[in-house]
Amino acid sequence: MKFLSAIAAGTALVATLATQVFASDLPDLGGRTIVAVTENAYTPLNFVDPKTGEGIGWEYDAFNEIAKRLNAKVDWQLSSWDTMIQAVRDGQFEVGMDGITITEERATQIDFSDPYMTSQQFLLVRADETRFANASDFAANAELLVGAQPGTTNFYVAVYDMLDGDEANPRIKLFETFGASVQALKVGDVDTVLMDNTSAQGYMGANPGAFKVVGDALGTEDFGFIFTPGSDLVGPVNAALKEMKEDGTLDKLNQKWFFEYKANQ
């Protein structure tokens, strides 16, 4: 019986190993270097490490892991948000990431990966905020201001879901970077910033006691990597993403960057 049990155990082990090999049967990019771009202004997805000055975050870790699994290297570059999609479309960079929401309009300009994260929009406010508790309260008080980046999902949600649909509404204060809008909120220059819940958790974790979220979710959005139209990287990246979802790697990155990371560690 022990002999038969050993054979059965060995057979199970071989089957398990075979399954693991099959699960890791990803495209091999042969050491190719992928030129990737981000902004370094969207905590905790991509931002500057205050201790080293290097770019770090969820998207850095995720795409570095994708490249490793595909036998590729990453040449990291920086770009402002307002030029990133155009630069990737024109082939200046091969892949871009900045918490970019997958939309039909953007998909006419660039190719998207499968979603790597689903998030919802909330109102980030200062921790001591008591004048409003939801989007309706905010809209009703004409003295309150919202900070946003032009051309972002957050900007359009502020315009059309919170306010009156006027993109020139003076209650919307525009900033060149997402981080600048959060800093403006922190010092009182604006009263809220619309933010997906994952990034909100990152900012609250990096600034204990400074912020909170209020109200219900204003919408749901999927984030994806963007590629030059027709890119041969879309399929391999999607295959690696699928594997990372299935083996728990993406969950581990969520735990690391949204709950465990502290800027002063």
C-alpha atoms as a PDB file:
ATOM      1  CA  MET A   1       0.000   0.000   0.000  1.00  0.00           C
ATOM      2  CA  LYS A   2       2.843   2.376   0.818  1.00  0.00           C
ATOM      3  CA  PHE A   3       4.405   1.624  -2.564  1.00  0.00           C
ATOM      4  CA  LEU A   4       1.139   2.341  -4.363  1.00  0.00           C
ATOM      5  CA  SER A   5       0.682   5.516  -2.355  1.00  0.00           C
ATOM      6  CA  ALA A   6       4.156   6.638  -3.332  1.00  0.00           C
ATOM      7  CA  ILE A   7       3.390   5.965  -6.996  1.00  0.00           C
ATOM      8  CA  ALA A   8       0.138   7.911  -6.691  1.00  0.00           C
ATOM      9  CA  ALA A   9       1.932  10.803  -4.989  1.00  0.00           C
ATOM     10  CA  GLY A  10       4.618  10.798  -7.669  1.00  0.00           C
ATOM     11  CA  THR A  11       2.007  10.801 -10.412  1.00  0.00           C
ATOM     12  CA  ALA A  12       0.237  13.731  -8.759  1.00  0.00           C
ATOM     13  CA  LEU A  13       3.528  15.618  -8.476  1.00  0.00           C
ATOM     14  CA  VAL A  14       4.315  15.083 -12.149  1.00  0.00           C
ATOM     15  CA  ALA A  15       0.824  16.259 -13.078  1.00  0.00           C
ATOM     16  CA  THR A  16       1.236  19.349 -10.904  1.00  0.00           C
ATOM     17  CA  LEU A  17       4.596  20.191 -12.432  1.00  0.00           C
ATOM     18  CA  ALA A  18       3.207  19.678 -15.911  1.00  0.00           C
ATOM     19  CA  THR A  19       0.355  22.036 -15.109  1.00  0.00           C
ATOM     20  CA  GLN A  20       2.820  24.649 -13.802  1.00  0.00           C
ATOM     21  CA  VAL A  21       4.970  24.395 -16.926  1.00  0.00           C
ATOM     22  CA  PHE A  22       1.908  24.753 -19.118  1.00  0.00           C
ATOM     23  CA  ALA A  23       0.683  27.737 -17.072  1.00  0.00           C
ATOM     24  CA  SER A  24       4.050  29.468 -17.600  1.00  0.00           C
ATOM     25  CA  ASP A  25       4.167  28.798 -21.330  1.00  0.00           C
ATOM     26  CA  LEU A  26       4.308  32.485 -22.255  1.00  0.00           C
ATOM     27  CA  PRO A  27       5.689  34.115 -25.410  1.00  0.00           C
ATOM     28  CA  ASP A  28       9.481  34.576 -25.348  1.00  0.00           C
ATOM     29  CA  LEU A  29      10.529  38.046 -26.513  1.00  0.00           C
ATOM     30  CA  GLY A  30      14.166  37.009 -26.726  1.00  0.00           C
ATOM     31  CA  GLY A  31      15.633  39.679 -24.474  1.00  0.00           C
ATOM     32  CA  ARG A  32      13.902  42.536 -26.307  1.00  0.00           C
ATOM     33  CA  THR A  33      13.963  45.972 -24.703  1.00  0.00           C
ATOM     34  CA  ILE A  34      10.528  47.571 -24.324  1.00  0.00           C
ATOM     35  CA  VAL A  35      10.424  51.368 -24.133  1.00  0.00           C
ATOM     36  CA  ALA A  36       7.838  52.192 -21.473  1.00  0.00           C
ATOM     37  CA  VAL A  37       6.602  55.579 -20.277  1.00  0.00           C
ATOM     38  CA  THR A  38       4.856  56.854 -17.179  1.00  0.00           C
ATOM     39  CA  GLU A  39       4.486  60.157 -15.329  1.00  0.00           C
ATOM     40  CA  ASN A  40       5.732  59.541 -11.767  1.00  0.00           C
ATOM     41  CA  ALA A  41       2.850  61.553 -10.330  1.00  0.00           C
ATOM     42  CA  TYR A  42       0.086  59.061  -9.511  1.00  0.00           C
ATOM     43  CA  THR A  43       0.608  57.521  -6.062  1.00  0.00           C
ATOM     44  CA  PRO A  44       0.699  54.560  -5.560  1.00  0.00           C
ATOM     45  CA  LEU A  45       0.710  53.495  -9.222  1.00  0.00           C
ATOM     46  CA  ASN A  46       3.771  55.511 -10.235  1.00  0.00           C
ATOM     47  CA  PHE A  47       5.648  58.116  -8.204  1.00  0.00           C
ATOM     48  CA  VAL A  48       9.066  59.210  -6.990  1.00  0.00           C
ATOM     49  CA  ASP A  49      10.543  57.408  -4.010  1.00  0.00           C
ATOM     50  CA  PRO A  50      11.178  60.217  -1.486  1.00  0.00           C
ATOM     51  CA  LYS A  51      14.274  58.412  -0.214  1.00  0.00           C
ATOM     52  CA  THR A  52      16.003  57.517  -3.481  1.00  0.00           C
ATOM     53  CA  GLY A  53      14.490  59.782  -6.124  1.00  0.00           C
ATOM     54  CA  GLU A  54      13.747  56.712  -8.264  1.00  0.00           C
ATOM     55  CA  GLY A  55      10.412  55.900  -9.863  1.00  0.00           C
ATOM     56  CA  ILE A  56       8.467  53.247  -7.966  1.00  0.00           C
ATOM     57  CA  GLY A  57       4.895  52.009  -7.613  1.00  0.00           C
ATOM     58  CA  TRP A  58       2.354  49.373  -8.578  1.00  0.00           C
ATOM     59  CA  GLU A  59       2.714  49.881 -12.320  1.00  0.00           C
ATOM     60  CA  TYR A  60       6.515  49.743 -12.173  1.00  0.00           C
ATOM     61  CA  ASP A  61       6.419  46.446 -10.300  1.00  0.00           C
ATOM     62  CA  ALA A  62       3.680  44.996 -12.484  1.00  0.00           C
ATOM     63  CA  PHE A  63       5.277  45.824 -15.815  1.00  0.00           C
ATOM     64  CA  ASN A  64       8.767  44.832 -14.681  1.00  0.00           C
ATOM     65  CA  GLU A  65       7.298  41.453 -13.715  1.00  0.00           C
ATOM     66  CA  ILE A  66       5.508  41.181 -17.073  1.00  0.00           C
ATOM     67  CA  ALA A  67       8.777  41.865 -18.879  1.00  0.00           C
ATOM     68  CA  LYS A  68      10.613  39.296 -16.759  1.00  0.00           C
ATOM     69  CA  ARG A  69       8.053  36.622 -17.599  1.00  0.00           C
ATOM     70  CA  LEU A  70       8.278  37.465 -21.298  1.00  0.00           C
ATOM     71  CA  ASN A  71      12.102  37.483 -21.316  1.00  0.00           C
ATOM     72  CA  ALA A  72      12.259  41.209 -22.009  1.00  0.00           C
ATOM     73  CA  LYS A  73      13.840  44.304 -20.462  1.00  0.00           C
ATOM     74  CA  VAL A  74      12.254  47.690 -19.762  1.00  0.00           C
ATOM     75  CA  ASP A  75      13.676  51.080 -20.704  1.00  0.00           C
ATOM     76  CA  TRP A  76      11.702  53.437 -18.443  1.00  0.00           C
ATOM     77  CA  GLN A  77      10.972  56.950 -19.702  1.00  0.00           C
ATOM     78  CA  LEU A  78       8.929  59.881 -18.363  1.00  0.00           C
ATOM     79  CA  SER A  79       6.274  62.019 -19.997  1.00  0.00           C
ATOM     80  CA  SER A  80       3.611  64.461 -18.861  1.00  0.00           C
ATOM     81  CA  TRP A  81       0.066  63.144 -18.921  1.00  0.00           C
ATOM     82  CA  ASP A  82      -1.164  65.591 -21.545  1.00  0.00           C
ATOM     83  CA  THR A  83       1.299  64.277 -24.171  1.00  0.00           C
ATOM     84  CA  MET A  84       1.517  60.603 -23.210  1.00  0.00           C
ATOM     85  CA  ILE A  85      -1.264  59.105 -25.326  1.00  0.00           C
ATOM     86  CA  GLN A  86      -0.156  61.042 -28.409  1.00  0.00           C
ATOM     87  CA  ALA A  87       3.477  60.020 -27.876  1.00  0.00           C
ATOM     88  CA  VAL A  88       2.571  56.330 -27.587  1.00  0.00           C
ATOM     89  CA  ARG A  89       0.281  56.575 -30.618  1.00  0.00           C
ATOM     90  CA  ASP A  90       3.123  58.082 -32.636  1.00  0.00           C
ATOM     91  CA  GLY A  91       5.531  55.331 -31.580  1.00  0.00           C
ATOM     92  CA  GLN A  92       7.820  57.473 -29.429  1.00  0.00           C
ATOM     93  CA  PHE A  93       7.179  54.928 -26.658  1.00  0.00           C
ATOM     94  CA  GLU A  94       5.966  51.335 -27.029  1.00  0.00           C
ATOM     95  CA  VAL A  95       3.801  51.135 -23.924  1.00  0.00           C
ATOM     96  CA  GLY A  96       2.389  53.724 -21.543  1.00  0.00           C
ATOM     97  CA  MET A  97       0.780  53.601 -18.120  1.00  0.00           C
ATOM     98  CA  ASP A  98      -0.587  56.206 -15.718  1.00  0.00           C
ATOM     99  CA  GLY A  99      -3.792  54.775 -14.315  1.00  0.00           C
ATOM    100  CA  ILE A 100      -5.243  55.201 -17.826  1.00  0.00           C
ATOM    101  CA  THR A 101      -8.946  54.439 -18.042  1.00  0.00           C
ATOM    102  CA  ILE A 102     -10.027  52.235 -20.930  1.00  0.00           C
ATOM    103  CA  THR A 103     -12.545  54.213 -23.016  1.00  0.00           C
ATOM    104  CA  GLU A 104     -13.973  53.802 -26.505  1.00  0.00           C
ATOM    105  CA  GLU A 105     -12.702  57.232 -27.540  1.00  0.00           C
ATOM    106  CA  ARG A 106      -9.125  56.500 -26.472  1.00  0.00           C
ATOM    107  CA  ALA A 107      -9.294  53.077 -28.116  1.00  0.00           C
ATOM    108  CA  THR A 108      -9.632  54.841 -31.472  1.00  0.00           C
ATOM    109  CA  GLN A 109      -6.178  56.355 -30.925  1.00  0.00           C
ATOM    110  CA  ILE A 110      -4.160  53.597 -29.253  1.00  0.00           C
ATOM    111  CA  ASP A 111      -4.423  49.894 -28.394  1.00  0.00           C
ATOM    112  CA  PHE A 112      -5.236  48.805 -24.847  1.00  0.00           C
ATOM    113  CA  SER A 113      -4.211  45.768 -22.859  1.00  0.00           C
ATOM    114  CA  ASP A 114      -6.802  43.804 -20.934  1.00  0.00           C
ATOM    115  CA  PRO A 115      -7.720  45.613 -17.697  1.00  0.00           C
ATOM    116  CA  TYR A 116      -5.141  45.222 -14.946  1.00  0.00           C
ATOM    117  CA  MET A 117      -7.208  47.019 -12.319  1.00  0.00           C
ATOM    118  CA  THR A 118     -10.835  48.035 -11.774  1.00  0.00           C
ATOM    119  CA  SER A 119     -11.506  51.033  -9.618  1.00  0.00           C
ATOM    120  CA  GLN A 120     -14.197  53.490  -8.603  1.00  0.00           C
ATOM    121  CA  GLN A 121     -14.215  57.281  -8.332  1.00  0.00           C
ATOM    122  CA  PHE A 122     -14.528  58.910  -4.910  1.00  0.00           C
ATOM    123  CA  LEU A 123     -14.172  62.375  -3.427  1.00  0.00           C
ATOM    124  CA  LEU A 124     -10.839  62.769  -1.646  1.00  0.00           C
ATOM    125  CA  VAL A 125     -11.036  65.568   0.926  1.00  0.00           C
ATOM    126  CA  ARG A 126      -9.024  66.873   3.844  1.00  0.00           C
ATOM    127  CA  ALA A 127      -9.429  64.808   6.985  1.00  0.00           C
ATOM    128  CA  ASP A 128     -11.146  67.665   8.838  1.00  0.00           C
ATOM    129  CA  GLU A 129     -13.694  68.414   6.080  1.00  0.00           C
ATOM    130  CA  THR A 130     -17.255  68.865   7.443  1.00  0.00           C
ATOM    131  CA  ARG A 131     -18.942  71.153   4.876  1.00  0.00           C
ATOM    132  CA  PHE A 132     -20.004  68.362   2.523  1.00  0.00           C
ATOM    133  CA  ALA A 133     -20.358  64.596   2.684  1.00  0.00           C
ATOM    134  CA  ASN A 134     -21.120  63.665  -0.930  1.00  0.00           C
ATOM    135  CA  ALA A 135     -21.122  64.956  -4.504  1.00  0.00           C
ATOM    136  CA  SER A 136     -24.582  66.539  -4.213  1.00  0.00           C
ATOM    137  CA  ASP A 137     -23.578  68.548  -1.151  1.00  0.00           C
ATOM    138  CA  PHE A 138     -20.449  69.682  -2.964  1.00  0.00           C
ATOM    139  CA  ALA A 139     -22.345  70.789  -6.069  1.00  0.00           C
ATOM    140  CA  ALA A 140     -24.828  72.777  -3.967  1.00  0.00           C
ATOM    141  CA  ASN A 141     -22.121  74.962  -2.396  1.00  0.00           C
ATOM    142  CA  ALA A 142     -20.832  77.380  -5.036  1.00  0.00           C
ATOM    143  CA  GLU A 143     -17.808  78.300  -2.919  1.00  0.00           C
ATOM    144  CA  LEU A 144     -16.283  74.833  -3.095  1.00  0.00           C
ATOM    145  CA  LEU A 145     -13.576  74.002  -5.641  1.00  0.00           C
ATOM    146  CA  VAL A 146     -12.408  70.757  -7.221  1.00  0.00           C
ATOM    147  CA  GLY A 147      -8.893  70.111  -8.544  1.00  0.00           C
ATOM    148  CA  ALA A 148      -8.321  68.078 -11.707  1.00  0.00           C
ATOM    149  CA  GLN A 149      -6.011  67.402 -14.631  1.00  0.00           C
ATOM    150  CA  PRO A 150      -7.389  68.376 -18.043  1.00  0.00           C
ATOM    151  CA  GLY A 151      -8.275  65.460 -20.296  1.00  0.00           C
ATOM    152  CA  THR A 152      -8.483  62.885 -17.513  1.00  0.00           C
ATOM    153  CA  THR A 153     -11.424  60.747 -16.481  1.00  0.00           C
ATOM    154  CA  ASN A 154     -11.456  62.601 -13.164  1.00  0.00           C
ATOM    155  CA  PHE A 155     -11.885  65.909 -14.987  1.00  0.00           C
ATOM    156  CA  TYR A 156     -14.856  64.678 -17.008  1.00  0.00           C
ATOM    157  CA  VAL A 157     -16.534  63.090 -13.988  1.00  0.00           C
ATOM    158  CA  ALA A 158     -16.181  66.401 -12.134  1.00  0.00           C
ATOM    159  CA  VAL A 159     -17.665  68.310 -15.068  1.00  0.00           C
ATOM    160  CA  TYR A 160     -20.541  66.029 -16.035  1.00  0.00           C
ATOM    161  CA  ASP A 161     -21.333  63.942 -12.945  1.00  0.00           C
ATOM    162  CA  MET A 162     -20.755  66.520 -10.205  1.00  0.00           C
ATOM    163  CA  LEU A 163     -21.288  69.945 -11.739  1.00  0.00           C
ATOM    164  CA  ASP A 164     -23.191  71.466 -14.663  1.00  0.00           C
ATOM    165  CA  GLY A 165     -21.461  70.009 -17.721  1.00  0.00           C
ATOM    166  CA  ASP A 166     -19.553  73.218 -18.429  1.00  0.00           C
ATOM    167  CA  GLU A 167     -15.904  72.326 -18.998  1.00  0.00           C
ATOM    168  CA  ALA A 168     -14.984  75.963 -18.343  1.00  0.00           C
ATOM    169  CA  ASN A 169     -16.731  76.036 -14.953  1.00  0.00           C
ATOM    170  CA  PRO A 170     -14.537  78.219 -12.684  1.00  0.00           C
ATOM    171  CA  ARG A 171     -15.103  75.833  -9.804  1.00  0.00           C
ATOM    172  CA  ILE A 172     -12.761  73.367 -11.544  1.00  0.00           C
ATOM    173  CA  LYS A 173      -9.133  74.277 -10.951  1.00  0.00           C
ATOM    174  CA  LEU A 174      -6.724  72.649 -13.397  1.00  0.00           C
ATOM    175  CA  PHE A 175      -3.256  71.331 -12.568  1.00  0.00           C
ATOM    176  CA  GLU A 176      -0.491  69.941 -14.755  1.00  0.00           C
ATOM    177  CA  THR A 177      -0.001  66.829 -12.629  1.00  0.00           C
ATOM    178  CA  PHE A 178      -2.238  64.716 -10.443  1.00  0.00           C
ATOM    179  CA  GLY A 179       0.162  65.142  -7.540  1.00  0.00           C
ATOM    180  CA  ALA A 180      -0.112  68.943  -7.816  1.00  0.00           C
ATOM    181  CA  SER A 181      -3.889  68.756  -7.462  1.00  0.00           C
ATOM    182  CA  VAL A 182      -3.547  66.615  -4.325  1.00  0.00           C
ATOM    183  CA  GLN A 183      -1.015  69.058  -2.882  1.00  0.00           C
ATOM    184  CA  ALA A 184      -3.451  71.891  -3.597  1.00  0.00           C
ATOM    185  CA  LEU A 185      -6.107  69.972  -1.677  1.00  0.00           C
ATOM    186  CA  LYS A 186      -3.728  69.405   1.217  1.00  0.00           C
ATOM    187  CA  VAL A 187      -2.945  73.122   1.605  1.00  0.00           C
ATOM    188  CA  GLY A 188      -6.545  74.275   1.081  1.00  0.00           C
ATOM    189  CA  ASP A 189      -6.400  75.728  -2.424  1.00  0.00           C
ATOM    190  CA  VAL A 190      -9.146  73.311  -3.536  1.00  0.00           C
ATOM    191  CA  ASP A 191     -11.701  71.369  -1.513  1.00  0.00           C
ATOM    192  CA  THR A 192     -11.741  67.974  -3.197  1.00  0.00           C
ATOM    193  CA  VAL A 193     -10.008  65.890  -5.832  1.00  0.00           C
ATOM    194  CA  LEU A 194     -11.828  63.092  -7.624  1.00  0.00           C
ATOM    195  CA  MET A 195      -9.790  59.940  -7.320  1.00  0.00           C
ATOM    196  CA  ASP A 196     -10.114  56.235  -7.883  1.00  0.00           C
ATOM    197  CA  ASN A 197     -10.310  54.336  -4.633  1.00  0.00           C
ATOM    198  CA  THR A 198      -6.990  52.545  -5.143  1.00  0.00           C
ATOM    199  CA  SER A 199      -5.025  55.763  -5.537  1.00  0.00           C
ATOM    200  CA  ALA A 200      -6.956  57.358  -2.664  1.00  0.00           C
ATOM    201  CA  GLN A 201      -5.803  54.535  -0.405  1.00  0.00           C
ATOM    202  CA  GLY A 202      -2.250  55.204  -1.535  1.00  0.00           C
ATOM    203  CA  TYR A 203      -2.395  58.914  -0.765  1.00  0.00           C
ATOM    204  CA  MET A 204      -4.015  58.313   2.607  1.00  0.00           C
ATOM    205  CA  GLY A 205      -1.380  55.735   3.454  1.00  0.00           C
ATOM    206  CA  ALA A 206       1.448  58.055   2.416  1.00  0.00           C
ATOM    207  CA  ASN A 207      -0.069  61.002   4.339  1.00  0.00           C
ATOM    208  CA  PRO A 208      -1.507  59.609   7.599  1.00  0.00           C
ATOM    209  CA  GLY A 209      -4.226  61.829   9.039  1.00  0.00           C
ATOM    210  CA  ALA A 210      -4.268  64.247   6.087  1.00  0.00           C
ATOM    211  CA  PHE A 211      -7.100  62.907   3.904  1.00  0.00           C
ATOM    212  CA  LYS A 212     -10.283  60.874   3.836  1.00  0.00           C
ATOM    213  CA  VAL A 213     -12.852  59.853   1.220  1.00  0.00           C
ATOM    214  CA  VAL A 214     -16.525  60.833   1.436  1.00  0.00           C
ATOM    215  CA  GLY A 215     -19.723  59.846  -0.335  1.00  0.00           C
ATOM    216  CA  ASP A 216     -20.592  56.969  -2.620  1.00  0.00           C
ATOM    217  CA  ALA A 217     -18.666  55.892  -5.691  1.00  0.00           C
ATOM    218  CA  LEU A 218     -19.349  58.104  -8.714  1.00  0.00           C
ATOM    219  CA  GLY A 219     -18.422  55.548 -11.321  1.00  0.00           C
ATOM    220  CA  THR A 220     -16.389  52.461 -12.148  1.00  0.00           C
ATOM    221  CA  GLU A 221     -13.424  52.389 -14.485  1.00  0.00           C
ATOM    222  CA  ASP A 222     -10.934  49.831 -15.806  1.00  0.00           C
ATOM    223  CA  PHE A 223      -7.236  50.677 -16.156  1.00  0.00           C
ATOM    224  CA  GLY A 224      -5.125  49.314 -18.993  1.00  0.00           C
ATOM    225  CA  PHE A 225      -1.648  49.660 -20.494  1.00  0.00           C
ATOM    226  CA  ILE A 226      -1.627  51.567 -23.796  1.00  0.00           C
ATOM    227  CA  PHE A 227       0.294  50.607 -26.942  1.00  0.00           C
ATOM    228  CA  THR A 228       1.111  51.994 -30.356  1.00  0.00           C
ATOM    229  CA  PRO A 229      -1.698  50.876 -32.708  1.00  0.00           C
ATOM    230  CA  GLY A 230      -1.036  47.388 -34.089  1.00  0.00           C
ATOM    231  CA  SER A 231       1.659  46.661 -31.497  1.00  0.00           C
ATOM    232  CA  ASP A 232       2.879  43.073 -31.318  1.00  0.00           C
ATOM    233  CA  LEU A 233       3.207  43.491 -27.545  1.00  0.00           C
ATOM    234  CA  VAL A 234      -0.512  43.447 -26.767  1.00  0.00           C
ATOM    235  CA  GLY A 235      -0.919  39.671 -26.973  1.00  0.00           C
ATOM    236  CA  PRO A 236       2.172  38.767 -24.907  1.00  0.00           C
ATOM    237  CA  VAL A 237       1.382  41.386 -22.245  1.00  0.00           C
ATOM    238  CA  ASN A 238      -2.202  40.124 -21.978  1.00  0.00           C
ATOM    239  CA  ALA A 239      -0.932  36.555 -21.606  1.00  0.00           C
ATOM    240  CA  ALA A 240       1.415  37.595 -18.796  1.00  0.00           C
ATOM    241  CA  LEU A 241      -1.321  39.625 -17.106  1.00  0.00           C
ATOM    242  CA  LYS A 242      -3.651  36.633 -17.192  1.00  0.00           C
ATOM    243  CA  GLU A 243      -1.015  34.454 -15.574  1.00  0.00           C
ATOM    244  CA  MET A 244      -0.301  37.083 -12.896  1.00  0.00           C
ATOM    245  CA  LYS A 245      -4.002  37.354 -12.057  1.00  0.00           C
ATOM    246  CA  GLU A 246      -4.328  33.601 -11.775  1.00  0.00           C
ATOM    247  CA  ASP A 247      -1.219  33.029  -9.636  1.00  0.00           C
ATOM    248  CA  GLY A 248      -2.002  35.851  -7.184  1.00  0.00           C
ATOM    249  CA  THR A 249       0.797  38.219  -8.210  1.00  0.00           C
ATOM    250  CA  LEU A 250      -1.559  41.148  -8.837  1.00  0.00           C
ATOM    251  CA  ASP A 251      -3.211  40.604  -5.457  1.00  0.00           C
ATOM    252  CA  LYS A 252       0.209  40.713  -3.804  1.00  0.00           C
ATOM    253  CA  LEU A 253       1.006  43.995  -5.556  1.00  0.00           C
ATOM    254  CA  ASN A 254      -2.307  45.440  -4.349  1.00  0.00           C
ATOM    255  CA  GLN A 255      -1.440  44.441  -0.789  1.00  0.00           C
ATOM    256  CA  LYS A 256       2.066  45.904  -1.053  1.00  0.00           C
ATOM    257  CA  TRP A 257       1.209  49.278  -2.569  1.00  0.00           C
ATOM    258  CA  PHE A 258      -2.286  50.024  -1.260  1.00  0.00           C
ATOM    259  CA  PHE A 259      -1.950  48.759   2.305  1.00  0.00           C
ATOM    260  CA  GLU A 260       1.651  48.093   3.331  1.00  0.00           C
ATOM    261  CA  TYR A 261       3.663  50.880   1.707  1.00  0.00           C
ATOM    262  CA  LYS A 262       4.468  53.904   3.848  1.00  0.00           C
ATOM    263  CA  ALA A 263       6.506  56.790   2.423  1.00  0.00           C
ATOM    264  CA  ASN A 264       8.476  57.217   5.641  1.00  0.00           C
ATOM    265  CA  GLN A 265       9.570  53.575   5.932  1.00  0.00           C
END
